[in-house]
N, C-alpha and C. Protein backbone atom coordinates (compact mmCIF):
# COMPACT_ATOMS: atom_id res chain seq x y z
N MET A 1 -63.79 -43.19 -45.35
CA MET A 1 -63.81 -44.73 -46.05
C MET A 1 -63.80 -45.31 -46.71
N TYR A 2 -62.95 -46.22 -47.99
CA TYR A 2 -63.27 -46.22 -49.04
C TYR A 2 -64.29 -47.59 -49.03
N SER A 3 -65.22 -47.39 -50.57
CA SER A 3 -65.70 -48.56 -50.68
C SER A 3 -65.26 -49.43 -51.32
N GLU A 4 -65.73 -50.81 -51.55
CA GLU A 4 -64.89 -51.97 -52.06
C GLU A 4 -64.82 -51.74 -53.78
N GLU A 5 -65.75 -50.44 -54.39
CA GLU A 5 -65.22 -50.05 -56.08
C GLU A 5 -63.97 -49.25 -55.89
N GLN A 6 -63.79 -48.47 -54.92
CA GLN A 6 -62.64 -47.94 -54.63
C GLN A 6 -61.68 -48.58 -54.46
N THR A 7 -61.39 -49.45 -54.11
CA THR A 7 -60.11 -50.80 -53.49
C THR A 7 -59.89 -51.37 -54.76
N THR A 8 -60.63 -51.96 -55.50
CA THR A 8 -60.35 -52.87 -56.51
C THR A 8 -59.38 -52.28 -57.16
N LEU A 9 -58.35 -53.53 -57.40
CA LEU A 9 -57.32 -53.11 -58.41
C LEU A 9 -57.45 -52.80 -59.78
N ASN A 10 -58.63 -53.06 -60.48
CA ASN A 10 -59.01 -53.02 -61.89
C ASN A 10 -59.05 -51.00 -62.08
N ASN A 11 -59.58 -50.50 -60.61
CA ASN A 11 -60.42 -49.41 -60.49
C ASN A 11 -59.18 -48.51 -60.94
N TRP A 12 -57.34 -49.45 -60.53
CA TRP A 12 -56.60 -48.04 -60.38
C TRP A 12 -55.13 -48.75 -61.32
N ASP A 13 -55.73 -49.78 -62.11
CA ASP A 13 -54.58 -50.22 -63.33
C ASP A 13 -54.22 -49.03 -63.93
N ASN A 14 -54.71 -47.75 -64.85
CA ASN A 14 -54.38 -46.89 -65.42
C ASN A 14 -54.07 -45.60 -64.35
N VAL A 15 -54.03 -45.72 -63.46
CA VAL A 15 -53.64 -44.24 -62.22
C VAL A 15 -51.96 -44.43 -62.75
N GLU A 16 -51.74 -43.19 -63.11
CA GLU A 16 -50.12 -43.04 -62.94
C GLU A 16 -50.04 -42.66 -61.78
N PHE A 17 -48.66 -42.56 -60.95
CA PHE A 17 -48.17 -42.42 -59.94
C PHE A 17 -46.35 -41.77 -60.23
N GLU A 18 -46.03 -40.82 -59.22
CA GLU A 18 -44.97 -40.30 -59.05
C GLU A 18 -44.51 -40.43 -57.67
N GLU A 19 -42.88 -40.17 -57.86
CA GLU A 19 -42.50 -40.73 -56.92
C GLU A 19 -42.62 -39.60 -56.06
N ILE A 20 -42.02 -39.25 -54.41
CA ILE A 20 -42.11 -38.11 -53.53
C ILE A 20 -40.69 -38.33 -53.36
N GLY A 21 -40.00 -37.14 -53.39
CA GLY A 21 -38.90 -36.62 -53.26
C GLY A 21 -38.57 -36.94 -51.79
N GLU A 22 -37.52 -36.75 -51.23
CA GLU A 22 -37.21 -36.19 -50.10
C GLU A 22 -36.51 -34.73 -49.96
N GLU A 23 -37.40 -33.58 -49.44
CA GLU A 23 -37.28 -32.53 -49.01
C GLU A 23 -36.81 -32.18 -47.83
N ASN A 24 -35.53 -32.11 -48.12
CA ASN A 24 -34.22 -31.25 -46.48
C ASN A 24 -33.60 -30.75 -46.63
N ASP A 25 -34.02 -29.66 -46.32
CA ASP A 25 -33.02 -28.03 -46.22
C ASP A 25 -31.88 -28.31 -45.57
N VAL A 26 -32.30 -29.37 -44.55
CA VAL A 26 -30.71 -29.36 -42.95
C VAL A 26 -29.93 -30.16 -43.84
N LYS A 27 -28.45 -28.99 -43.91
CA LYS A 27 -27.28 -29.91 -44.51
C LYS A 27 -26.70 -30.66 -42.94
N GLN A 28 -25.82 -31.34 -43.29
CA GLN A 28 -25.15 -32.55 -42.30
C GLN A 28 -23.46 -31.44 -42.38
N TRP A 29 -23.03 -31.56 -41.00
CA TRP A 29 -21.61 -30.76 -40.58
C TRP A 29 -21.01 -32.69 -40.99
N LYS A 30 -19.69 -32.36 -41.73
CA LYS A 30 -18.88 -33.44 -41.60
C LYS A 30 -17.58 -33.11 -41.60
N PRO A 31 -17.07 -32.58 -39.97
CA PRO A 31 -15.98 -32.12 -40.40
C PRO A 31 -14.89 -32.95 -39.98
N GLN A 32 -13.82 -32.19 -40.67
CA GLN A 32 -12.30 -32.93 -40.79
C GLN A 32 -11.38 -31.86 -39.56
N PRO A 33 -10.34 -32.61 -38.81
CA PRO A 33 -10.07 -32.28 -37.71
C PRO A 33 -9.64 -30.66 -38.24
N ASN A 34 -9.77 -29.42 -37.09
CA ASN A 34 -9.57 -28.22 -36.99
C ASN A 34 -10.83 -27.63 -37.61
N ASP A 35 -11.58 -28.14 -37.96
CA ASP A 35 -12.95 -27.79 -38.75
C ASP A 35 -13.68 -27.14 -37.69
N PHE A 36 -13.94 -26.15 -37.62
CA PHE A 36 -15.26 -25.29 -36.95
C PHE A 36 -16.53 -25.04 -37.57
N ILE A 37 -17.60 -24.78 -36.72
CA ILE A 37 -18.61 -24.18 -36.96
C ILE A 37 -19.29 -23.29 -36.16
N ILE A 38 -20.21 -22.09 -36.64
CA ILE A 38 -20.26 -21.12 -35.74
C ILE A 38 -21.68 -21.02 -36.14
N GLY A 39 -22.88 -20.97 -35.09
CA GLY A 39 -24.49 -20.81 -35.22
C GLY A 39 -24.98 -20.85 -34.06
N VAL A 40 -26.53 -20.30 -34.34
CA VAL A 40 -27.04 -20.31 -33.34
C VAL A 40 -27.58 -21.96 -32.78
N TYR A 41 -27.50 -22.15 -31.52
CA TYR A 41 -27.96 -23.52 -31.07
C TYR A 41 -29.58 -24.00 -31.03
N THR A 42 -29.95 -24.56 -31.99
CA THR A 42 -31.71 -24.44 -31.68
C THR A 42 -32.22 -25.30 -31.53
N GLN A 43 -31.72 -26.67 -31.70
CA GLN A 43 -32.34 -28.07 -30.76
C GLN A 43 -31.53 -29.02 -31.11
N THR A 44 -32.08 -30.12 -29.99
CA THR A 44 -31.45 -31.28 -30.32
C THR A 44 -32.64 -32.30 -30.36
N THR A 45 -32.04 -33.43 -31.11
CA THR A 45 -33.06 -34.36 -31.45
C THR A 45 -32.62 -35.72 -31.31
N HIS A 46 -33.08 -36.25 -31.06
CA HIS A 46 -33.05 -38.02 -30.98
C HIS A 46 -33.61 -39.19 -31.78
N GLY A 47 -32.66 -39.62 -32.63
CA GLY A 47 -33.06 -40.17 -33.90
C GLY A 47 -34.18 -41.20 -33.34
N THR A 48 -35.25 -41.68 -34.29
CA THR A 48 -35.91 -42.75 -34.21
C THR A 48 -35.90 -44.32 -35.62
N GLY A 49 -36.34 -45.25 -35.54
CA GLY A 49 -36.38 -45.90 -36.69
C GLY A 49 -35.47 -46.79 -36.54
N LYS A 50 -34.26 -46.64 -37.84
CA LYS A 50 -32.79 -46.86 -38.13
C LYS A 50 -31.83 -46.01 -37.54
N GLY A 51 -32.61 -44.92 -37.19
CA GLY A 51 -31.24 -43.94 -36.32
C GLY A 51 -31.42 -43.81 -34.91
N GLU A 52 -32.50 -44.73 -34.37
CA GLU A 52 -32.86 -44.74 -32.72
C GLU A 52 -31.21 -44.76 -32.37
N GLY A 53 -31.01 -44.20 -31.09
CA GLY A 53 -30.03 -44.47 -30.65
C GLY A 53 -29.07 -42.86 -30.78
N TYR A 54 -29.33 -42.08 -32.10
CA TYR A 54 -28.51 -41.13 -32.34
C TYR A 54 -28.98 -40.07 -31.93
N VAL A 55 -28.29 -39.21 -31.79
CA VAL A 55 -28.65 -38.00 -31.18
C VAL A 55 -27.94 -36.65 -32.44
N PHE A 56 -28.79 -35.66 -32.81
CA PHE A 56 -28.60 -34.85 -33.89
C PHE A 56 -29.01 -33.56 -33.46
N HIS A 57 -27.54 -32.51 -33.05
CA HIS A 57 -27.69 -31.25 -33.27
C HIS A 57 -27.90 -30.20 -33.99
N THR A 58 -28.70 -29.14 -34.16
CA THR A 58 -29.22 -28.37 -35.31
C THR A 58 -28.57 -26.94 -34.59
N LEU A 59 -27.82 -26.42 -35.60
CA LEU A 59 -27.27 -24.81 -35.45
C LEU A 59 -28.08 -24.09 -36.63
N GLU A 60 -28.28 -22.99 -36.19
CA GLU A 60 -28.39 -21.83 -37.73
C GLU A 60 -27.35 -21.22 -38.08
N ASP A 61 -27.06 -21.14 -39.35
CA ASP A 61 -25.72 -20.31 -39.35
C ASP A 61 -26.16 -18.80 -40.04
N GLN A 62 -25.00 -17.89 -40.02
CA GLN A 62 -25.52 -16.67 -40.30
C GLN A 62 -26.69 -16.54 -41.40
N GLU A 63 -26.27 -17.20 -42.44
CA GLU A 63 -26.92 -16.90 -43.60
C GLU A 63 -28.48 -17.63 -43.49
N GLY A 64 -28.57 -18.65 -42.04
CA GLY A 64 -29.86 -18.88 -41.88
C GLY A 64 -30.47 -20.41 -42.09
N ASN A 65 -29.23 -21.17 -42.32
CA ASN A 65 -29.49 -22.37 -42.88
C ASN A 65 -29.42 -23.33 -42.07
N GLU A 66 -30.13 -24.41 -41.67
CA GLU A 66 -30.23 -25.38 -40.49
C GLU A 66 -29.04 -26.22 -40.91
N VAL A 67 -28.10 -26.39 -39.86
CA VAL A 67 -27.09 -27.82 -40.00
C VAL A 67 -27.12 -28.57 -38.77
N SER A 68 -27.16 -29.87 -39.48
CA SER A 68 -27.33 -30.61 -38.33
C SER A 68 -25.78 -31.61 -37.64
N ILE A 69 -25.73 -31.73 -36.47
CA ILE A 69 -24.59 -32.39 -36.26
C ILE A 69 -24.72 -33.69 -35.68
N LEU A 70 -24.16 -34.65 -36.06
CA LEU A 70 -24.26 -35.99 -35.24
C LEU A 70 -23.37 -35.97 -34.30
N GLY A 71 -24.19 -36.06 -32.89
CA GLY A 71 -23.89 -36.17 -31.31
C GLY A 71 -22.96 -37.48 -31.44
N CYS A 72 -21.78 -37.33 -30.74
CA CYS A 72 -21.16 -38.19 -29.39
C CYS A 72 -20.84 -37.87 -28.01
N THR A 73 -20.53 -38.61 -27.37
CA THR A 73 -20.86 -38.43 -26.08
C THR A 73 -20.06 -37.03 -25.38
N VAL A 74 -18.91 -36.98 -26.12
CA VAL A 74 -18.07 -35.69 -25.62
C VAL A 74 -19.08 -33.97 -26.40
N LEU A 75 -19.64 -34.33 -27.26
CA LEU A 75 -20.49 -33.23 -27.84
C LEU A 75 -21.63 -33.31 -27.12
N ASN A 76 -22.06 -34.38 -26.83
CA ASN A 76 -23.58 -34.06 -26.17
C ASN A 76 -23.65 -33.63 -24.73
N ASN A 77 -22.33 -34.22 -23.94
CA ASN A 77 -22.03 -33.42 -22.96
C ASN A 77 -21.91 -32.11 -22.45
N LYS A 78 -21.54 -31.76 -23.76
CA LYS A 78 -21.08 -30.19 -23.85
C LYS A 78 -22.32 -29.43 -24.41
N LEU A 79 -22.87 -29.82 -25.23
CA LEU A 79 -24.02 -29.09 -25.41
C LEU A 79 -25.06 -29.38 -24.24
N ASP A 80 -25.36 -30.17 -24.10
CA ASP A 80 -26.43 -30.24 -22.46
C ASP A 80 -26.12 -29.07 -21.86
N LYS A 81 -25.16 -28.76 -21.63
CA LYS A 81 -25.07 -27.24 -20.62
C LYS A 81 -25.15 -26.00 -21.30
N ILE A 82 -25.83 -26.12 -22.42
CA ILE A 82 -25.80 -24.99 -23.04
C ILE A 82 -27.13 -24.78 -23.78
N GLU A 83 -27.83 -23.10 -23.19
CA GLU A 83 -29.37 -22.94 -23.78
C GLU A 83 -29.77 -22.73 -24.83
N TYR A 84 -30.67 -23.12 -25.56
CA TYR A 84 -30.80 -23.35 -26.72
C TYR A 84 -31.09 -21.52 -27.36
N GLY A 85 -31.08 -21.19 -28.51
CA GLY A 85 -30.79 -19.67 -28.87
C GLY A 85 -29.31 -19.22 -28.13
N THR A 86 -28.59 -19.98 -28.44
CA THR A 86 -26.96 -19.52 -27.36
C THR A 86 -26.51 -19.20 -29.22
N LEU A 87 -25.38 -18.24 -29.14
CA LEU A 87 -24.33 -18.74 -30.38
C LEU A 87 -23.42 -19.31 -29.78
N ILE A 88 -22.61 -19.91 -30.42
CA ILE A 88 -21.72 -21.08 -30.38
C ILE A 88 -20.66 -21.11 -31.38
N LYS A 89 -19.70 -21.82 -30.87
CA LYS A 89 -18.58 -21.95 -32.10
C LYS A 89 -18.19 -23.67 -31.77
N ILE A 90 -18.20 -24.67 -32.67
CA ILE A 90 -17.88 -25.73 -32.32
C ILE A 90 -17.03 -26.64 -33.36
N ILE A 91 -15.67 -26.92 -32.59
CA ILE A 91 -14.32 -27.21 -32.70
C ILE A 91 -14.23 -28.15 -33.05
N TYR A 92 -13.98 -29.47 -34.17
CA TYR A 92 -13.84 -30.48 -34.57
C TYR A 92 -11.98 -30.77 -34.29
N LYS A 93 -11.70 -31.05 -33.21
CA LYS A 93 -10.22 -31.52 -32.85
C LYS A 93 -9.60 -32.94 -33.27
N GLY A 94 -11.01 -33.68 -33.87
CA GLY A 94 -10.45 -35.16 -34.57
C GLY A 94 -10.25 -36.26 -33.11
N TYR A 95 -9.77 -36.97 -33.75
CA TYR A 95 -9.99 -38.08 -32.88
C TYR A 95 -8.89 -38.10 -31.44
N ALA A 96 -9.11 -38.36 -30.71
CA ALA A 96 -8.38 -38.52 -29.16
C ALA A 96 -8.29 -39.71 -28.34
N THR A 97 -7.49 -40.05 -27.43
CA THR A 97 -7.11 -41.13 -26.65
C THR A 97 -7.52 -41.16 -25.26
N SER A 98 -8.26 -42.05 -24.49
CA SER A 98 -8.86 -42.31 -23.40
C SER A 98 -7.83 -42.00 -22.70
N GLN A 99 -8.01 -42.15 -21.37
CA GLN A 99 -6.90 -42.75 -20.35
C GLN A 99 -7.19 -44.08 -20.10
N ARG A 100 -8.08 -44.95 -20.74
CA ARG A 100 -8.09 -46.54 -21.16
C ARG A 100 -7.92 -46.93 -22.38
N GLY A 101 -7.59 -45.74 -23.19
CA GLY A 101 -6.97 -46.20 -24.25
C GLY A 101 -8.03 -46.47 -25.61
N LYS A 102 -9.18 -45.89 -25.24
CA LYS A 102 -10.10 -45.86 -26.43
C LYS A 102 -10.42 -44.84 -27.02
N GLU A 103 -10.53 -44.60 -28.79
CA GLU A 103 -10.30 -43.27 -29.43
C GLU A 103 -12.33 -42.87 -29.39
N TYR A 104 -12.03 -41.80 -29.47
CA TYR A 104 -13.31 -40.95 -29.00
C TYR A 104 -13.02 -39.54 -30.09
N LYS A 105 -14.20 -39.16 -30.59
CA LYS A 105 -14.31 -37.63 -31.49
C LYS A 105 -14.07 -36.24 -30.09
N ASN A 106 -12.97 -35.74 -30.28
CA ASN A 106 -12.79 -34.62 -29.54
C ASN A 106 -13.77 -33.56 -29.84
N TYR A 107 -14.03 -32.64 -29.48
CA TYR A 107 -14.62 -31.48 -30.01
C TYR A 107 -14.64 -30.36 -28.65
N ALA A 108 -14.64 -29.14 -28.89
CA ALA A 108 -14.35 -28.08 -28.27
C ALA A 108 -15.57 -27.12 -28.51
N VAL A 109 -16.23 -26.91 -27.37
CA VAL A 109 -17.24 -25.88 -27.30
C VAL A 109 -17.25 -24.81 -27.22
N LEU A 110 -17.31 -23.31 -27.69
CA LEU A 110 -17.48 -21.75 -27.41
C LEU A 110 -18.65 -21.26 -27.17
N VAL A 111 -19.12 -20.59 -26.18
CA VAL A 111 -20.06 -19.65 -26.38
C VAL A 111 -19.68 -18.43 -26.73
N ALA A 112 -20.43 -17.79 -27.53
CA ALA A 112 -20.13 -15.82 -27.65
C ALA A 112 -19.94 -14.70 -26.19
N LYS A 113 -19.24 -14.52 -26.13
CA LYS A 113 -19.24 -13.64 -24.90
C LYS A 113 -20.92 -12.99 -24.89
N GLY A 114 -20.94 -12.66 -23.71
CA GLY A 114 -22.49 -11.63 -23.78
C GLY A 114 -23.81 -12.57 -23.99
N SER A 115 -23.90 -14.10 -24.18
CA SER A 115 -24.64 -14.76 -24.53
C SER A 115 -25.06 -15.05 -23.72
């Protein structure tokens, strides 16, 4: 616990502060139509705070780098069927139109044979 002496502004007038940077080695995949990514499916996380409602999927690529992919209904539904640790290939097919006329992001998800 802090004493009253420690919390007075006068004691902190000459303290120097440095900003803490955000260290994040996870890269975000921002695909264009027909782009693909191959990696081991490692986790799915749900956003909190400002990101609440978002789903993020993480793959580990061949070099061991973590890559984050923003989920959407199509991708989330397909990845829900895949176990963590599985080698997969995700292909972004671009936008498609549903039978009701709504546009959505379309993905193909392939599993490595023998996985």
